[in-house]
Each structure stands twice: as structure tokens, then as C-alpha cells.
Amino acid sequence: MNALISLRGIRKSFGTSEVLHGIDLDVYPGSHTVIFGPSGSGKSTVLRSMNLLEEPTEGSVVFEGVEYGPGIPGDATPRGKKIDLRRQVGMVFQQFNLFPHLSAIDNIALSVHAVTGKSKDEALERAAQELKNVGLLKWAMNYPAQLSGGQQQRVAIARALSLDPKLMLFDEPTSALDPELVGEVLAVMRKLAETGMTMVVVTHEMGFAKEIGDQCIFMDQGYIADSGGADFFDTCTNKRTKEFIGSVL
């Protein structure tokens, strides 16, 4: 099976500070990759490199056989535009990024109409379906300020899914939530994983990572320090990894 997205030699610098030091990572269709590690280890920068919200200083970002990153000198892989990549990759952020002046359903329908060109009625129909899928249809006319943080994040997930992405990226989607609201968002993500959606999740929720991760990535100081499969949490031998997992589980 070919990888859905492949990162090769990804380096990223901010000014004179290099925060990613040659990251190689393959994500396969239907897989659930979890990325974790201490703050400042480069987790979110790797994730944001996958849809070029952070453009790598060096390296290759190949999605379905098309190069979207700087590329590898001399490589003949066909090149694509950022906008084409982002239409295939959904993303959910720490903050919900909803338009405060639009209802939940209009937040979703606006994206569907703008990106896909569907009529407003078709966009509203799709938005309603996605709200139903995340258990929020009866809150469709509520504005973000009238929703809890967990509900807002579920609207944000529904909005990303309404564009039929091939890959979903989650950047610490529960970190801005009160503890009692975390479970409802993780339940939606768990359900999404069960449908076979390809997901890459940066998270501090180690129990959730252990549950859904079939590719587990531990990052430290801008490197992939350790990685493994679904049994990673039980079989890893790297001392730094075990220290980190022990401190958060």
C-alpha cells in the first residue's frame, strides 16, 4: 500500500532557530497516527507541515504522489499547489476558529458553499447532516457564544468533515477544554476513527492515544525520538519515552 502522505527530510527554521531536524514520516490510508511529546518538541509544527500551514524550510511533502513541499533537488515527482492540498486535508485546531456572528449550521454551510461551489440549500443540507453526525443537530441555530467549548469543537470537527477530506489533522483538539468537556470531543474522534478515516492527532491525552493509535510517534527536541505500532505503549524500551509516558499516564 502506498502512503497517503509522506514527509522526507523535513526541516523547519524560525529565524536562526531550527525546530525540526529532518523528519521522515509516512501515513497510510485508514491509519491513525498519534504524535506526542513534551511542549516545544515540534509536534504541532510537523502536523502543520502536512498541509503547509507551516512551510518547511527543506524537505518533501508528497500527498497521493504529488509534491507540495520544497521537494528534494533533482526529484521528478509532479508538483501541486497548496490550495489543492488543503482541499483534501481537514484540520481541527486547539481553538475552535468559528465565526462568532454565524450560527453553528451557517459556520459549516459557509465553508461547503465557498469551497465546493454547492448551492446554499445543498450546503445547508450537508451542514445539517454533519451536525447530526456529531450529535448537535438540535443546536444548529445556536451561535458559538451559546455553545460550550466541547460543542464548539464538535462544530469545528463537523465543518472539517463537511469538505470530505482524505486526511484529518487534529492539533491538540482538547487542550482548550475544561476537563469535563474533553470526553465528548474524544467520543466524536473515536467514532471517526472507527469509520476508517485517516487521522493524525497531536495530543496530550495518552489514554486516547493508546486506544486509537496504530502508529505512535514520540517527539523530543525536534526529532522523532521513538515510534512504534499499536502495542507501542506496552513495548517501548527508549528510556526518555518511558519517562514521558510514565509522567502522564
C-alpha atoms as a PDB file:
ATOM      1  CA  MET A   1       0.000   0.000   0.000  1.00  0.00           C
ATOM      2  CA  ASN A   2       1.289   3.446  -0.893  1.00  0.00           C
ATOM      3  CA  ALA A   3       1.415   6.106   1.803  1.00  0.00           C
ATOM      4  CA  LEU A   4      -1.310   8.744   1.649  1.00  0.00           C
ATOM      5  CA  ILE A   5       1.204  11.360   2.749  1.00  0.00           C
ATOM      6  CA  SER A   6       4.986  11.098   3.071  1.00  0.00           C
ATOM      7  CA  LEU A   7       7.322  13.555   4.760  1.00  0.00           C
ATOM      8  CA  ARG A   8      11.004  13.288   3.905  1.00  0.00           C
ATOM      9  CA  GLY A   9      13.825  15.324   5.385  1.00  0.00           C
ATOM     10  CA  ILE A  10      11.506  17.976   6.814  1.00  0.00           C
ATOM     11  CA  ARG A  11      13.400  20.809   8.394  1.00  0.00           C
ATOM     12  CA  LYS A  12      11.846  23.992   9.725  1.00  0.00           C
ATOM     13  CA  SER A  13      13.585  27.089  10.997  1.00  0.00           C
ATOM     14  CA  PHE A  14      12.201  30.214  12.593  1.00  0.00           C
ATOM     15  CA  GLY A  15      14.915  32.795  12.117  1.00  0.00           C
ATOM     16  CA  THR A  16      18.157  31.190  13.242  1.00  0.00           C
ATOM     17  CA  SER A  17      16.410  28.539  15.331  1.00  0.00           C
ATOM     18  CA  GLU A  18      15.818  25.162  13.675  1.00  0.00           C
ATOM     19  CA  VAL A  19      12.845  23.423  15.329  1.00  0.00           C
ATOM     20  CA  LEU A  20      12.553  20.342  13.080  1.00  0.00           C
ATOM     21  CA  HIS A  21      15.677  18.383  12.232  1.00  0.00           C
ATOM     22  CA  GLY A  22      14.978  16.154   9.238  1.00  0.00           C
ATOM     23  CA  ILE A  23      11.626  14.476   9.930  1.00  0.00           C
ATOM     24  CA  ASP A  24      10.668  11.343   7.944  1.00  0.00           C
ATOM     25  CA  LEU A  25       7.109  10.089   8.360  1.00  0.00           C
ATOM     26  CA  ASP A  26       4.641   8.006   6.323  1.00  0.00           C
ATOM     27  CA  VAL A  27       0.891   7.982   6.972  1.00  0.00           C
ATOM     28  CA  TYR A  28      -1.095   5.204   5.296  1.00  0.00           C
ATOM     29  CA  PRO A  29      -4.771   5.248   4.257  1.00  0.00           C
ATOM     30  CA  GLY A  30      -7.085   4.300   7.103  1.00  0.00           C
ATOM     31  CA  SER A  31      -4.368   4.586   9.745  1.00  0.00           C
ATOM     32  CA  HIS A  32      -4.474   6.570  12.988  1.00  0.00           C
ATOM     33  CA  THR A  33      -1.181   8.248  13.821  1.00  0.00           C
ATOM     34  CA  VAL A  34      -0.732   9.821  17.246  1.00  0.00           C
ATOM     35  CA  ILE A  35       2.091  12.271  17.934  1.00  0.00           C
ATOM     36  CA  PHE A  36       3.016  13.148  21.484  1.00  0.00           C
ATOM     37  CA  GLY A  37       5.918  14.525  23.482  1.00  0.00           C
ATOM     38  CA  PRO A  38       6.884  17.414  25.730  1.00  0.00           C
ATOM     39  CA  SER A  39       5.926  21.007  24.966  1.00  0.00           C
ATOM     40  CA  GLY A  40       8.205  22.574  22.375  1.00  0.00           C
ATOM     41  CA  SER A  41       9.226  19.235  20.862  1.00  0.00           C
ATOM     42  CA  GLY A  42       7.932  20.154  17.371  1.00  0.00           C
ATOM     43  CA  LYS A  43       4.711  18.106  17.334  1.00  0.00           C
ATOM     44  CA  SER A  44       2.404  20.827  16.041  1.00  0.00           C
ATOM     45  CA  THR A  45       4.993  22.046  13.544  1.00  0.00           C
ATOM     46  CA  VAL A  46       5.156  18.567  11.991  1.00  0.00           C
ATOM     47  CA  LEU A  47       1.367  18.437  11.830  1.00  0.00           C
ATOM     48  CA  ARG A  48       1.093  21.902  10.270  1.00  0.00           C
ATOM     49  CA  SER A  49       3.750  20.948   7.719  1.00  0.00           C
ATOM     50  CA  MET A  50       1.350  18.313   6.393  1.00  0.00           C
ATOM     51  CA  ASN A  51      -0.979  20.966   4.980  1.00  0.00           C
ATOM     52  CA  LEU A  52       1.695  23.662   4.623  1.00  0.00           C
ATOM     53  CA  LEU A  53       0.288  25.957   7.289  1.00  0.00           C
ATOM     54  CA  GLU A  54       3.954  25.832   8.230  1.00  0.00           C
ATOM     55  CA  GLU A  55       6.021  25.649   5.064  1.00  0.00           C
ATOM     56  CA  PRO A  56       9.121  23.514   5.573  1.00  0.00           C
ATOM     57  CA  THR A  57      12.474  25.186   5.135  1.00  0.00           C
ATOM     58  CA  GLU A  58      13.650  21.990   3.462  1.00  0.00           C
ATOM     59  CA  GLY A  59      12.168  18.629   2.593  1.00  0.00           C
ATOM     60  CA  SER A  60       9.438  16.806   0.754  1.00  0.00           C
ATOM     61  CA  VAL A  61       5.670  16.698   1.406  1.00  0.00           C
ATOM     62  CA  VAL A  62       4.157  14.175  -1.009  1.00  0.00           C
ATOM     63  CA  PHE A  63       0.390  13.635  -0.874  1.00  0.00           C
ATOM     64  CA  GLU A  64      -1.031  10.938  -3.159  1.00  0.00           C
ATOM     65  CA  GLY A  65       2.059  11.058  -5.354  1.00  0.00           C
ATOM     66  CA  VAL A  66       2.172  14.839  -5.736  1.00  0.00           C
ATOM     67  CA  GLU A  67       4.894  17.034  -4.234  1.00  0.00           C
ATOM     68  CA  TYR A  68       3.678  20.101  -2.316  1.00  0.00           C
ATOM     69  CA  GLY A  69       6.757  20.960  -0.247  1.00  0.00           C
ATOM     70  CA  PRO A  70      10.120  22.418  -1.274  1.00  0.00           C
ATOM     71  CA  GLY A  71      10.963  18.967  -2.630  1.00  0.00           C
ATOM     72  CA  ILE A  72      14.185  17.065  -3.000  1.00  0.00           C
ATOM     73  CA  PRO A  73      16.638  18.523  -5.548  1.00  0.00           C
ATOM     74  CA  GLY A  74      16.555  16.555  -8.790  1.00  0.00           C
ATOM     75  CA  ASP A  75      13.395  14.628  -7.905  1.00  0.00           C
ATOM     76  CA  ALA A  76      10.868  14.397 -10.759  1.00  0.00           C
ATOM     77  CA  THR A  77       7.706  13.980  -8.662  1.00  0.00           C
ATOM     78  CA  PRO A  78       4.900  16.139 -10.135  1.00  0.00           C
ATOM     79  CA  ARG A  79       4.223  19.318  -8.184  1.00  0.00           C
ATOM     80  CA  GLY A  80       0.909  20.673  -6.914  1.00  0.00           C
ATOM     81  CA  LYS A  81      -0.466  23.875  -5.416  1.00  0.00           C
ATOM     82  CA  LYS A  82      -1.072  24.453  -1.713  1.00  0.00           C
ATOM     83  CA  ILE A  83      -4.765  25.100  -2.254  1.00  0.00           C
ATOM     84  CA  ASP A  84      -5.194  21.669  -3.847  1.00  0.00           C
ATOM     85  CA  LEU A  85      -3.537  20.003  -0.862  1.00  0.00           C
ATOM     86  CA  ARG A  86      -5.668  21.880   1.681  1.00  0.00           C
ATOM     87  CA  ARG A  87      -8.875  20.886  -0.092  1.00  0.00           C
ATOM     88  CA  GLN A  88      -8.015  17.270   0.683  1.00  0.00           C
ATOM     89  CA  VAL A  89      -6.754  17.720   4.229  1.00  0.00           C
ATOM     90  CA  GLY A  90      -9.094  18.766   7.042  1.00  0.00           C
ATOM     91  CA  MET A  91      -7.727  20.328  10.212  1.00  0.00           C
ATOM     92  CA  VAL A  92      -9.063  20.910  13.705  1.00  0.00           C
ATOM     93  CA  PHE A  93      -7.150  23.334  15.928  1.00  0.00           C
ATOM     94  CA  GLN A  94      -6.777  23.887  19.661  1.00  0.00           C
ATOM     95  CA  GLN A  95      -9.004  26.942  19.346  1.00  0.00           C
ATOM     96  CA  PHE A  96     -12.293  26.437  17.567  1.00  0.00           C
ATOM     97  CA  ASN A  97     -11.958  29.256  14.999  1.00  0.00           C
ATOM     98  CA  LEU A  98     -15.708  29.572  14.474  1.00  0.00           C
ATOM     99  CA  PHE A  99     -17.225  32.776  13.127  1.00  0.00           C
ATOM    100  CA  PRO A 100     -18.943  34.320  16.173  1.00  0.00           C
ATOM    101  CA  HIS A 101     -21.617  36.081  14.090  1.00  0.00           C
ATOM    102  CA  LEU A 102     -22.785  32.864  12.384  1.00  0.00           C
ATOM    103  CA  SER A 103     -24.886  30.025  13.769  1.00  0.00           C
ATOM    104  CA  ALA A 104     -23.415  26.545  14.034  1.00  0.00           C
ATOM    105  CA  ILE A 105     -25.061  25.405  10.821  1.00  0.00           C
ATOM    106  CA  ASP A 106     -24.016  28.538   8.931  1.00  0.00           C
ATOM    107  CA  ASN A 107     -20.403  28.152  10.094  1.00  0.00           C
ATOM    108  CA  ILE A 108     -20.375  24.807   8.298  1.00  0.00           C
ATOM    109  CA  ALA A 109     -22.530  25.715   5.296  1.00  0.00           C
ATOM    110  CA  LEU A 110     -20.388  28.758   4.504  1.00  0.00           C
ATOM    111  CA  SER A 111     -17.314  26.553   4.098  1.00  0.00           C
ATOM    112  CA  VAL A 112     -19.178  23.996   1.994  1.00  0.00           C
ATOM    113  CA  HIS A 113     -20.589  26.679  -0.316  1.00  0.00           C
ATOM    114  CA  ALA A 114     -17.267  28.544  -0.658  1.00  0.00           C
ATOM    115  CA  VAL A 115     -15.017  25.528  -1.215  1.00  0.00           C
ATOM    116  CA  THR A 116     -17.215  23.129  -3.176  1.00  0.00           C
ATOM    117  CA  GLY A 117     -19.453  25.579  -5.034  1.00  0.00           C
ATOM    118  CA  LYS A 118     -22.601  23.782  -3.891  1.00  0.00           C
ATOM    119  CA  SER A 119     -25.771  25.858  -3.719  1.00  0.00           C
ATOM    120  CA  LYS A 120     -26.661  27.396  -0.364  1.00  0.00           C
ATOM    121  CA  ASP A 121     -29.507  24.926   0.081  1.00  0.00           C
ATOM    122  CA  GLU A 122     -27.215  21.978  -0.682  1.00  0.00           C
ATOM    123  CA  ALA A 123     -24.597  23.404   1.679  1.00  0.00           C
ATOM    124  CA  LEU A 124     -27.156  23.749   4.477  1.00  0.00           C
ATOM    125  CA  GLU A 125     -28.312  20.176   3.909  1.00  0.00           C
ATOM    126  CA  ARG A 126     -24.746  18.883   4.156  1.00  0.00           C
ATOM    127  CA  ALA A 127     -24.098  21.026   7.234  1.00  0.00           C
ATOM    128  CA  ALA A 128     -27.195  19.617   8.933  1.00  0.00           C
ATOM    129  CA  GLN A 129     -26.033  16.068   8.219  1.00  0.00           C
ATOM    130  CA  GLU A 130     -22.611  16.704   9.731  1.00  0.00           C
ATOM    131  CA  LEU A 131     -24.135  18.336  12.810  1.00  0.00           C
ATOM    132  CA  LYS A 132     -26.306  15.256  13.219  1.00  0.00           C
ATOM    133  CA  ASN A 133     -23.215  13.059  12.969  1.00  0.00           C
ATOM    134  CA  VAL A 134     -21.579  14.887  15.898  1.00  0.00           C
ATOM    135  CA  GLY A 135     -24.792  14.968  17.930  1.00  0.00           C
ATOM    136  CA  LEU A 136     -25.508  18.685  17.602  1.00  0.00           C
ATOM    137  CA  LEU A 137     -28.381  18.985  15.153  1.00  0.00           C
ATOM    138  CA  LYS A 138     -30.745  20.498  17.705  1.00  0.00           C
ATOM    139  CA  TRP A 139     -28.167  23.219  18.396  1.00  0.00           C
ATOM    140  CA  ALA A 140     -27.894  24.113  14.698  1.00  0.00           C
ATOM    141  CA  MET A 141     -29.211  27.661  15.120  1.00  0.00           C
ATOM    142  CA  ASN A 142     -27.133  28.452  18.201  1.00  0.00           C
ATOM    143  CA  TYR A 143     -24.235  30.875  17.921  1.00  0.00           C
ATOM    144  CA  PRO A 144     -20.775  29.913  19.223  1.00  0.00           C
ATOM    145  CA  ALA A 145     -21.212  32.004  22.375  1.00  0.00           C
ATOM    146  CA  GLN A 146     -24.301  29.924  23.170  1.00  0.00           C
ATOM    147  CA  LEU A 147     -22.365  26.644  22.952  1.00  0.00           C
ATOM    148  CA  SER A 148     -19.964  25.013  25.385  1.00  0.00           C
ATOM    149  CA  GLY A 149     -16.339  24.633  24.413  1.00  0.00           C
ATOM    150  CA  GLY A 150     -16.898  20.950  23.690  1.00  0.00           C
ATOM    151  CA  GLN A 151     -19.854  21.738  21.468  1.00  0.00           C
ATOM    152  CA  GLN A 152     -17.867  24.390  19.605  1.00  0.00           C
ATOM    153  CA  GLN A 153     -15.062  21.930  18.960  1.00  0.00           C
ATOM    154  CA  ARG A 154     -17.557  19.379  17.676  1.00  0.00           C
ATOM    155  CA  VAL A 155     -18.915  22.020  15.272  1.00  0.00           C
ATOM    156  CA  ALA A 156     -15.331  22.622  14.123  1.00  0.00           C
ATOM    157  CA  ILE A 157     -14.892  18.892  13.504  1.00  0.00           C
ATOM    158  CA  ALA A 158     -18.182  18.783  11.587  1.00  0.00           C
ATOM    159  CA  ARG A 159     -17.045  21.721   9.481  1.00  0.00           C
ATOM    160  CA  ALA A 160     -13.810  19.974   8.534  1.00  0.00           C
ATOM    161  CA  LEU A 161     -15.627  16.739   7.704  1.00  0.00           C
ATOM    162  CA  SER A 162     -18.195  18.523   5.532  1.00  0.00           C
ATOM    163  CA  LEU A 163     -15.499  19.020   2.886  1.00  0.00           C
ATOM    164  CA  ASP A 164     -14.878  15.263   2.515  1.00  0.00           C
ATOM    165  CA  PRO A 165     -11.190  15.285   3.439  1.00  0.00           C
ATOM    166  CA  LYS A 166      -8.988  12.292   2.748  1.00  0.00           C
ATOM    167  CA  LEU A 167      -6.881  13.101   5.804  1.00  0.00           C
ATOM    168  CA  MET A 168      -7.871  14.697   9.110  1.00  0.00           C
ATOM    169  CA  LEU A 169      -5.333  16.538  11.252  1.00  0.00           C
ATOM    170  CA  PHE A 170      -6.051  17.287  14.913  1.00  0.00           C
ATOM    171  CA  ASP A 171      -3.765  19.721  16.744  1.00  0.00           C
ATOM    172  CA  GLU A 172      -4.350  19.106  20.466  1.00  0.00           C
ATOM    173  CA  PRO A 173      -8.118  19.434  19.963  1.00  0.00           C
ATOM    174  CA  THR A 174      -8.974  19.080  23.658  1.00  0.00           C
ATOM    175  CA  SER A 175      -6.284  21.282  25.211  1.00  0.00           C
ATOM    176  CA  ALA A 176      -8.520  24.371  25.396  1.00  0.00           C
ATOM    177  CA  LEU A 177     -11.420  22.493  27.011  1.00  0.00           C
ATOM    178  CA  ASP A 178     -12.442  22.145  30.615  1.00  0.00           C
ATOM    179  CA  PRO A 179     -11.744  18.580  31.778  1.00  0.00           C
ATOM    180  CA  GLU A 180     -15.410  17.594  31.920  1.00  0.00           C
ATOM    181  CA  LEU A 181     -15.857  18.520  28.238  1.00  0.00           C
ATOM    182  CA  VAL A 182     -12.907  16.529  26.893  1.00  0.00           C
ATOM    183  CA  GLY A 183     -14.795  13.245  26.751  1.00  0.00           C
ATOM    184  CA  GLU A 184     -17.461  14.429  24.313  1.00  0.00           C
ATOM    185  CA  VAL A 185     -14.851  15.539  21.775  1.00  0.00           C
ATOM    186  CA  LEU A 186     -12.823  12.345  22.143  1.00  0.00           C
ATOM    187  CA  ALA A 187     -16.029  10.341  21.622  1.00  0.00           C
ATOM    188  CA  VAL A 188     -16.565  12.044  18.258  1.00  0.00           C
ATOM    189  CA  MET A 189     -12.936  11.400  17.290  1.00  0.00           C
ATOM    190  CA  ARG A 190     -13.209   7.772  18.394  1.00  0.00           C
ATOM    191  CA  LYS A 191     -16.303   7.331  16.242  1.00  0.00           C
ATOM    192  CA  LEU A 192     -14.496   8.944  13.321  1.00  0.00           C
ATOM    193  CA  ALA A 193     -11.552   6.577  13.742  1.00  0.00           C
ATOM    194  CA  GLU A 194     -13.952   3.629  13.636  1.00  0.00           C
ATOM    195  CA  THR A 195     -15.195   4.748  10.205  1.00  0.00           C
ATOM    196  CA  GLY A 196     -11.683   4.282   8.797  1.00  0.00           C
ATOM    197  CA  MET A 197     -10.844   7.980   8.402  1.00  0.00           C
ATOM    198  CA  THR A 198      -7.098   8.563   8.101  1.00  0.00           C
ATOM    199  CA  MET A 199      -6.134  10.672  11.101  1.00  0.00           C
ATOM    200  CA  VAL A 200      -3.027  12.310  12.529  1.00  0.00           C
ATOM    201  CA  VAL A 201      -3.557  13.508  16.089  1.00  0.00           C
ATOM    202  CA  VAL A 202      -1.228  15.615  18.222  1.00  0.00           C
ATOM    203  CA  THR A 203      -2.426  15.033  21.750  1.00  0.00           C
ATOM    204  CA  HIS A 204      -1.624  15.006  25.453  1.00  0.00           C
ATOM    205  CA  GLU A 205      -4.482  12.555  26.050  1.00  0.00           C
ATOM    206  CA  MET A 206      -2.327   9.477  26.420  1.00  0.00           C
ATOM    207  CA  GLY A 207      -5.196   7.130  27.208  1.00  0.00           C
ATOM    208  CA  PHE A 208      -6.880   8.101  23.949  1.00  0.00           C
ATOM    209  CA  ALA A 209      -3.590   7.839  22.050  1.00  0.00           C
ATOM    210  CA  LYS A 210      -3.049   4.340  23.410  1.00  0.00           C
ATOM    211  CA  GLU A 211      -6.597   3.383  22.437  1.00  0.00           C
ATOM    212  CA  ILE A 212      -6.673   4.506  18.798  1.00  0.00           C
ATOM    213  CA  GLY A 213      -3.042   4.825  17.734  1.00  0.00           C
ATOM    214  CA  ASP A 214      -1.788   2.240  15.286  1.00  0.00           C
ATOM    215  CA  GLN A 215       1.265   4.413  14.581  1.00  0.00           C
ATOM    216  CA  CYS A 216       2.672   6.109  17.667  1.00  0.00           C
ATOM    217  CA  ILE A 217       5.285   8.851  17.371  1.00  0.00           C
ATOM    218  CA  PHE A 218       7.213  10.271  20.333  1.00  0.00           C
ATOM    219  CA  MET A 219       8.928  13.587  19.576  1.00  0.00           C
ATOM    220  CA  ASP A 220      11.645  15.304  21.572  1.00  0.00           C
ATOM    221  CA  GLN A 221      13.667  18.419  20.717  1.00  0.00           C
ATOM    222  CA  GLY A 222      12.628  18.478  17.062  1.00  0.00           C
ATOM    223  CA  TYR A 223      13.324  14.808  16.339  1.00  0.00           C
ATOM    224  CA  ILE A 224      11.230  11.655  16.152  1.00  0.00           C
ATOM    225  CA  ALA A 225      12.878  10.069  19.175  1.00  0.00           C
ATOM    226  CA  ASP A 226      10.850   6.863  19.155  1.00  0.00           C
ATOM    227  CA  SER A 227       7.997   5.240  17.249  1.00  0.00           C
ATOM    228  CA  GLY A 228       6.027   2.029  17.049  1.00  0.00           C
ATOM    229  CA  GLY A 229       2.734   0.329  16.353  1.00  0.00           C
ATOM    230  CA  ALA A 230      -0.424  -0.279  18.325  1.00  0.00           C
ATOM    231  CA  ASP A 231       1.494  -2.031  21.137  1.00  0.00           C
ATOM    232  CA  PHE A 232       3.975   0.845  21.470  1.00  0.00           C
ATOM    233  CA  PHE A 233       2.914   1.918  24.951  1.00  0.00           C
ATOM    234  CA  ASP A 234       3.483  -1.571  26.304  1.00  0.00           C
ATOM    235  CA  THR A 235       6.653  -2.478  24.420  1.00  0.00           C
ATOM    236  CA  CYS A 236       8.734   0.707  24.025  1.00  0.00           C
ATOM    237  CA  THR A 237      12.206   0.483  25.535  1.00  0.00           C
ATOM    238  CA  ASN A 238      13.521   4.008  24.976  1.00  0.00           C
ATOM    239  CA  LYS A 239      14.287   5.472  28.396  1.00  0.00           C
ATOM    240  CA  ARG A 240      13.164   9.014  27.527  1.00  0.00           C
ATOM    241  CA  THR A 241       9.893   7.716  26.039  1.00  0.00           C
ATOM    242  CA  LYS A 242       9.150   5.578  29.072  1.00  0.00           C
ATOM    243  CA  GLU A 243       9.855   8.516  31.383  1.00  0.00           C
ATOM    244  CA  PHE A 244       7.459  10.734  29.457  1.00  0.00           C
ATOM    245  CA  ILE A 245       4.675   8.134  29.274  1.00  0.00           C
ATOM    246  CA  GLY A 246       5.119   7.367  32.971  1.00  0.00           C
ATOM    247  CA  SER A 247       4.760  11.023  33.857  1.00  0.00           C
ATOM    248  CA  VAL A 248       1.443  11.478  32.004  1.00  0.00           C
ATOM    249  CA  LEU A 249      -0.304   8.093  32.261  1.00  0.00           C
END
